[in-house]
């Protein structure tokens, strides 16, 4: 079913809706298609959308003052499928990141205003928004665990533990950038473990 990731998430957090409520909720989502190189979000833009990625991959990055790209996050189905920018969504601040498609993507999108309308109509759906926040917080803690590690070997091992599929979606140079280590160092470590 086309809305399967959303329905699974509702089941997972024990939200049971009537068929009419479910149809109303699913009708609030739009299906979005982006091609490789297109953006879910650009630096400086405001975006109050949550996306549930079902196909493809994206990565978040910033550009430092010297023009170097620093990868900040990865998005791909199952392990890290929620497209979301906390500051844009909750604080209506412009993004400090780009979120770009690495491969063509399909995702189901819903805006904050639609979520608020749905939550006013179906109070249990507040749990869905809470789940997105919980997932975002969990990812922030995992990222801190990875990046605060004293050893580059430990960084790679912890990343493998949390995000087993990231290595099949993205080039090692992007993963090395995310970890804050040189790609040659990353390649040497990855071959050893």
C-alpha atoms as a PDB file:
ATOM      1  CA  UNK A   1       0.000   0.000   0.000  1.00  0.00           C
ATOM      2  CA  UNK A   2       1.242   3.453  -0.892  1.00  0.00           C
ATOM      3  CA  UNK A   3       0.897   4.899   2.631  1.00  0.00           C
ATOM      4  CA  UNK A   4       2.424   1.856   4.289  1.00  0.00           C
ATOM      5  CA  UNK A   5       5.249   3.721   6.130  1.00  0.00           C
ATOM      6  CA  UNK A   6       2.704   6.087   7.672  1.00  0.00           C
ATOM      7  CA  UNK A   7       0.315   3.297   8.604  1.00  0.00           C
ATOM      8  CA  UNK A   8       3.148   1.267  10.130  1.00  0.00           C
ATOM      9  CA  UNK A   9       4.220   4.264  12.210  1.00  0.00           C
ATOM     10  CA  UNK A  10       0.637   4.744  13.442  1.00  0.00           C
ATOM     11  CA  UNK A  11       0.430   1.062  14.366  1.00  0.00           C
ATOM     12  CA  UNK A  12       3.806   1.217  16.081  1.00  0.00           C
ATOM     13  CA  UNK A  13       2.680   4.049  18.362  1.00  0.00           C
ATOM     14  CA  UNK A  14      -0.764   2.522  19.000  1.00  0.00           C
ATOM     15  CA  UNK A  15      -2.931   4.982  17.104  1.00  0.00           C
ATOM     16  CA  UNK A  16      -6.104   3.283  15.956  1.00  0.00           C
ATOM     17  CA  UNK A  17      -8.283   5.328  13.640  1.00  0.00           C
ATOM     18  CA  UNK A  18     -11.616   4.543  12.071  1.00  0.00           C
ATOM     19  CA  UNK A  19     -11.591   4.091   8.273  1.00  0.00           C
ATOM     20  CA  UNK A  20     -13.073   7.605   7.892  1.00  0.00           C
ATOM     21  CA  UNK A  21     -10.443   9.149  10.196  1.00  0.00           C
ATOM     22  CA  UNK A  22      -7.695   7.272   8.395  1.00  0.00           C
ATOM     23  CA  UNK A  23      -8.884   8.500   4.982  1.00  0.00           C
ATOM     24  CA  UNK A  24      -9.051  12.098   6.240  1.00  0.00           C
ATOM     25  CA  UNK A  25      -5.545  11.820   7.617  1.00  0.00           C
ATOM     26  CA  UNK A  26      -4.030  10.182   4.533  1.00  0.00           C
ATOM     27  CA  UNK A  27      -5.703  12.763   2.278  1.00  0.00           C
ATOM     28  CA  UNK A  28      -3.726  15.478   4.119  1.00  0.00           C
ATOM     29  CA  UNK A  29      -0.448  14.018   2.809  1.00  0.00           C
ATOM     30  CA  UNK A  30       0.921  14.804  -0.626  1.00  0.00           C
ATOM     31  CA  UNK A  31       3.149  12.502  -2.632  1.00  0.00           C
ATOM     32  CA  UNK A  32       6.350  14.292  -3.620  1.00  0.00           C
ATOM     33  CA  UNK A  33       8.882  13.240  -6.255  1.00  0.00           C
ATOM     34  CA  UNK A  34      12.324  14.830  -6.435  1.00  0.00           C
ATOM     35  CA  UNK A  35      15.127  14.046  -8.861  1.00  0.00           C
ATOM     36  CA  UNK A  36      18.796  13.636  -8.036  1.00  0.00           C
ATOM     37  CA  UNK A  37      20.248  17.062  -7.225  1.00  0.00           C
ATOM     38  CA  UNK A  38      16.901  18.629  -6.299  1.00  0.00           C
ATOM     39  CA  UNK A  39      16.395  20.018  -2.812  1.00  0.00           C
ATOM     40  CA  UNK A  40      13.953  19.211  -0.032  1.00  0.00           C
ATOM     41  CA  UNK A  41      15.372  22.274   1.726  1.00  0.00           C
ATOM     42  CA  UNK A  42      17.919  24.983   0.892  1.00  0.00           C
ATOM     43  CA  UNK A  43      19.983  27.077   3.260  1.00  0.00           C
ATOM     44  CA  UNK A  44      18.091  30.264   4.076  1.00  0.00           C
ATOM     45  CA  UNK A  45      14.690  28.778   3.205  1.00  0.00           C
ATOM     46  CA  UNK A  46      11.835  28.197   5.618  1.00  0.00           C
ATOM     47  CA  UNK A  47      10.132  24.797   5.498  1.00  0.00           C
ATOM     48  CA  UNK A  48       7.458  23.537   7.886  1.00  0.00           C
ATOM     49  CA  UNK A  49       7.116  20.160   6.190  1.00  0.00           C
ATOM     50  CA  UNK A  50       7.674  16.665   7.477  1.00  0.00           C
ATOM     51  CA  UNK A  51       8.413  14.031   4.865  1.00  0.00           C
ATOM     52  CA  UNK A  52       8.235  10.250   5.190  1.00  0.00           C
ATOM     53  CA  UNK A  53      10.762   8.912   2.688  1.00  0.00           C
ATOM     54  CA  UNK A  54       9.797   5.712   0.892  1.00  0.00           C
ATOM     55  CA  UNK A  55      12.293   5.642  -1.970  1.00  0.00           C
ATOM     56  CA  UNK A  56      15.676   7.172  -2.639  1.00  0.00           C
ATOM     57  CA  UNK A  57      18.215   8.980  -0.501  1.00  0.00           C
ATOM     58  CA  UNK A  58      19.039  12.520   0.573  1.00  0.00           C
ATOM     59  CA  UNK A  59      21.813  14.092   2.577  1.00  0.00           C
ATOM     60  CA  UNK A  60      21.990  17.264   4.659  1.00  0.00           C
ATOM     61  CA  UNK A  61      25.025  19.499   4.492  1.00  0.00           C
ATOM     62  CA  UNK A  62      26.336  22.945   5.215  1.00  0.00           C
ATOM     63  CA  UNK A  63      28.945  25.007   3.397  1.00  0.00           C
ATOM     64  CA  UNK A  64      31.655  26.488   5.609  1.00  0.00           C
ATOM     65  CA  UNK A  65      33.207  29.932   5.146  1.00  0.00           C
ATOM     66  CA  UNK A  66      35.945  28.439   2.948  1.00  0.00           C
ATOM     67  CA  UNK A  67      33.384  26.812   0.636  1.00  0.00           C
ATOM     68  CA  UNK A  68      33.840  23.249   1.894  1.00  0.00           C
ATOM     69  CA  UNK A  69      30.818  20.995   2.159  1.00  0.00           C
ATOM     70  CA  UNK A  70      30.275  19.334   5.568  1.00  0.00           C
ATOM     71  CA  UNK A  71      27.760  16.467   5.608  1.00  0.00           C
ATOM     72  CA  UNK A  72      25.441  16.708   8.629  1.00  0.00           C
ATOM     73  CA  UNK A  73      22.924  13.903   8.118  1.00  0.00           C
ATOM     74  CA  UNK A  74      21.653  11.163   5.842  1.00  0.00           C
ATOM     75  CA  UNK A  75      18.083  10.188   4.938  1.00  0.00           C
ATOM     76  CA  UNK A  76      17.055   6.868   3.436  1.00  0.00           C
ATOM     77  CA  UNK A  77      14.142   4.440   3.882  1.00  0.00           C
ATOM     78  CA  UNK A  78      13.658   2.485   7.111  1.00  0.00           C
ATOM     79  CA  UNK A  79      16.565   3.548   9.368  1.00  0.00           C
ATOM     80  CA  UNK A  80      16.385   7.304   8.815  1.00  0.00           C
ATOM     81  CA  UNK A  81      13.278   8.025   6.774  1.00  0.00           C
ATOM     82  CA  UNK A  82      11.854  11.181   8.387  1.00  0.00           C
ATOM     83  CA  UNK A  83      12.730  14.410   6.552  1.00  0.00           C
ATOM     84  CA  UNK A  84      12.504  17.158   9.116  1.00  0.00           C
ATOM     85  CA  UNK A  85      14.278  20.363  10.170  1.00  0.00           C
ATOM     86  CA  UNK A  86      13.551  21.215  13.802  1.00  0.00           C
ATOM     87  CA  UNK A  87      14.369  24.932  13.650  1.00  0.00           C
ATOM     88  CA  UNK A  88      12.294  25.490  10.507  1.00  0.00           C
ATOM     89  CA  UNK A  89       9.380  23.397  11.702  1.00  0.00           C
ATOM     90  CA  UNK A  90       9.017  24.639  15.268  1.00  0.00           C
ATOM     91  CA  UNK A  91      10.802  27.978  15.389  1.00  0.00           C
ATOM     92  CA  UNK A  92      10.078  29.161  11.835  1.00  0.00           C
ATOM     93  CA  UNK A  93      13.764  29.951  11.403  1.00  0.00           C
ATOM     94  CA  UNK A  94      15.495  29.794   8.037  1.00  0.00           C
ATOM     95  CA  UNK A  95      17.465  26.621   7.470  1.00  0.00           C
ATOM     96  CA  UNK A  96      21.205  26.574   8.058  1.00  0.00           C
ATOM     97  CA  UNK A  97      21.438  23.396   5.964  1.00  0.00           C
ATOM     98  CA  UNK A  98      20.788  22.091   2.496  1.00  0.00           C
ATOM     99  CA  UNK A  99      18.910  18.797   2.176  1.00  0.00           C
ATOM    100  CA  UNK A 100      19.602  17.486  -1.321  1.00  0.00           C
ATOM    101  CA  UNK A 101      18.579  14.336  -3.175  1.00  0.00           C
ATOM    102  CA  UNK A 102      21.493  12.003  -3.725  1.00  0.00           C
ATOM    103  CA  UNK A 103      19.216   9.737  -5.772  1.00  0.00           C
ATOM    104  CA  UNK A 104      15.653  10.258  -7.078  1.00  0.00           C
ATOM    105  CA  UNK A 105      13.231  10.284  -4.123  1.00  0.00           C
ATOM    106  CA  UNK A 106       9.601   9.684  -3.295  1.00  0.00           C
ATOM    107  CA  UNK A 107       8.185  10.812   0.027  1.00  0.00           C
ATOM    108  CA  UNK A 108       4.872  11.634   1.652  1.00  0.00           C
ATOM    109  CA  UNK A 109       4.754  15.203   2.900  1.00  0.00           C
ATOM    110  CA  UNK A 110       2.578  17.039   5.351  1.00  0.00           C
ATOM    111  CA  UNK A 111       2.843  20.619   6.579  1.00  0.00           C
ATOM    112  CA  UNK A 112       2.676  21.717  10.196  1.00  0.00           C
ATOM    113  CA  UNK A 113      -0.594  23.587   9.595  1.00  0.00           C
ATOM    114  CA  UNK A 114      -2.215  20.395   8.245  1.00  0.00           C
ATOM    115  CA  UNK A 115      -0.915  18.426  11.234  1.00  0.00           C
ATOM    116  CA  UNK A 116      -2.383  21.022  13.607  1.00  0.00           C
ATOM    117  CA  UNK A 117      -5.739  20.853  11.789  1.00  0.00           C
ATOM    118  CA  UNK A 118      -5.703  17.051  11.939  1.00  0.00           C
ATOM    119  CA  UNK A 119      -4.745  17.048  15.620  1.00  0.00           C
ATOM    120  CA  UNK A 120      -7.647  19.383  16.377  1.00  0.00           C
ATOM    121  CA  UNK A 121      -9.937  16.914  14.626  1.00  0.00           C
ATOM    122  CA  UNK A 122      -8.253  13.700  15.848  1.00  0.00           C
ATOM    123  CA  UNK A 123      -6.409  14.280  19.112  1.00  0.00           C
ATOM    124  CA  UNK A 124      -4.595  10.898  19.032  1.00  0.00           C
ATOM    125  CA  UNK A 125      -2.587  12.163  16.058  1.00  0.00           C
ATOM    126  CA  UNK A 126      -0.597  14.362  18.424  1.00  0.00           C
ATOM    127  CA  UNK A 127       1.281  11.132  19.110  1.00  0.00           C
ATOM    128  CA  UNK A 128       2.503  11.125  15.503  1.00  0.00           C
ATOM    129  CA  UNK A 129       4.095  14.551  15.902  1.00  0.00           C
ATOM    130  CA  UNK A 130       5.525  13.464  19.263  1.00  0.00           C
ATOM    131  CA  UNK A 131       6.998  10.401  17.569  1.00  0.00           C
ATOM    132  CA  UNK A 132       8.731  12.586  14.974  1.00  0.00           C
ATOM    133  CA  UNK A 133      10.209  14.676  17.799  1.00  0.00           C
ATOM    134  CA  UNK A 134      11.267  11.572  19.712  1.00  0.00           C
ATOM    135  CA  UNK A 135      12.944  10.157  16.606  1.00  0.00           C
ATOM    136  CA  UNK A 136      14.705  13.483  15.984  1.00  0.00           C
ATOM    137  CA  UNK A 137      15.961  13.577  19.585  1.00  0.00           C
ATOM    138  CA  UNK A 138      17.143   9.964  19.402  1.00  0.00           C
ATOM    139  CA  UNK A 139      19.075  10.735  16.215  1.00  0.00           C
ATOM    140  CA  UNK A 140      20.681  13.790  17.864  1.00  0.00           C
ATOM    141  CA  UNK A 141      21.834  11.638  20.795  1.00  0.00           C
ATOM    142  CA  UNK A 142      23.182   8.980  18.425  1.00  0.00           C
ATOM    143  CA  UNK A 143      25.021  11.623  16.396  1.00  0.00           C
ATOM    144  CA  UNK A 144      26.539  13.037  19.585  1.00  0.00           C
ATOM    145  CA  UNK A 145      27.667   9.528  20.596  1.00  0.00           C
ATOM    146  CA  UNK A 146      29.327   9.051  17.228  1.00  0.00           C
ATOM    147  CA  UNK A 147      31.019  12.426  16.924  1.00  0.00           C
ATOM    148  CA  UNK A 148      32.155  12.686  20.552  1.00  0.00           C
ATOM    149  CA  UNK A 149      34.072   9.444  20.343  1.00  0.00           C
ATOM    150  CA  UNK A 150      37.804   9.936  20.893  1.00  0.00           C
ATOM    151  CA  UNK A 151      38.805   7.402  18.265  1.00  0.00           C
ATOM    152  CA  UNK A 152      38.092   7.466  14.532  1.00  0.00           C
ATOM    153  CA  UNK A 153      37.822   3.667  14.631  1.00  0.00           C
ATOM    154  CA  UNK A 154      35.129   3.970  17.316  1.00  0.00           C
ATOM    155  CA  UNK A 155      33.288   6.601  15.247  1.00  0.00           C
ATOM    156  CA  UNK A 156      33.057   4.208  12.313  1.00  0.00           C
ATOM    157  CA  UNK A 157      32.020   1.269  14.514  1.00  0.00           C
ATOM    158  CA  UNK A 158      29.322   3.276  16.307  1.00  0.00           C
ATOM    159  CA  UNK A 159      28.003   4.570  12.974  1.00  0.00           C
ATOM    160  CA  UNK A 160      27.813   0.969  11.725  1.00  0.00           C
ATOM    161  CA  UNK A 161      25.902   0.018  14.857  1.00  0.00           C
ATOM    162  CA  UNK A 162      23.301   2.803  14.578  1.00  0.00           C
ATOM    163  CA  UNK A 163      22.959   3.079  10.789  1.00  0.00           C
ATOM    164  CA  UNK A 164      23.760  -0.271   9.218  1.00  0.00           C
ATOM    165  CA  UNK A 165      22.433   0.661   5.771  1.00  0.00           C
ATOM    166  CA  UNK A 166      24.060   4.084   5.342  1.00  0.00           C
ATOM    167  CA  UNK A 167      27.099   2.441   3.735  1.00  0.00           C
ATOM    168  CA  UNK A 168      24.978   1.047   0.897  1.00  0.00           C
ATOM    169  CA  UNK A 169      23.313   4.393   0.097  1.00  0.00           C
ATOM    170  CA  UNK A 170      26.183   6.916   0.169  1.00  0.00           C
ATOM    171  CA  UNK A 171      29.802   7.171  -0.975  1.00  0.00           C
ATOM    172  CA  UNK A 172      32.489   6.787   1.653  1.00  0.00           C
ATOM    173  CA  UNK A 173      33.625  10.382   1.094  1.00  0.00           C
ATOM    174  CA  UNK A 174      30.221  11.635   2.343  1.00  0.00           C
ATOM    175  CA  UNK A 175      30.363   9.323   5.354  1.00  0.00           C
ATOM    176  CA  UNK A 176      33.910  10.480   6.145  1.00  0.00           C
ATOM    177  CA  UNK A 177      32.714  14.104   5.987  1.00  0.00           C
ATOM    178  CA  UNK A 178      29.877  13.295   8.375  1.00  0.00           C
ATOM    179  CA  UNK A 179      32.333  11.690  10.801  1.00  0.00           C
ATOM    180  CA  UNK A 180      34.772  14.588  10.489  1.00  0.00           C
ATOM    181  CA  UNK A 181      37.663  12.434   9.284  1.00  0.00           C
ATOM    182  CA  UNK A 182      39.674  12.439   6.066  1.00  0.00           C
ATOM    183  CA  UNK A 183      38.317  10.023   3.463  1.00  0.00           C
ATOM    184  CA  UNK A 184      41.660   8.191   3.181  1.00  0.00           C
ATOM    185  CA  UNK A 185      41.630   7.635   6.951  1.00  0.00           C
ATOM    186  CA  UNK A 186      38.036   6.437   6.731  1.00  0.00           C
ATOM    187  CA  UNK A 187      38.874   3.995   3.891  1.00  0.00           C
ATOM    188  CA  UNK A 188      41.823   2.553   5.839  1.00  0.00           C
ATOM    189  CA  UNK A 189      39.720   2.112   8.998  1.00  0.00           C
ATOM    190  CA  UNK A 190      36.770   0.643   7.123  1.00  0.00           C
ATOM    191  CA  UNK A 191      38.998  -1.982   5.493  1.00  0.00           C
ATOM    192  CA  UNK A 192      40.372  -2.975   8.915  1.00  0.00           C
ATOM    193  CA  UNK A 193      37.078  -3.484  10.748  1.00  0.00           C
END
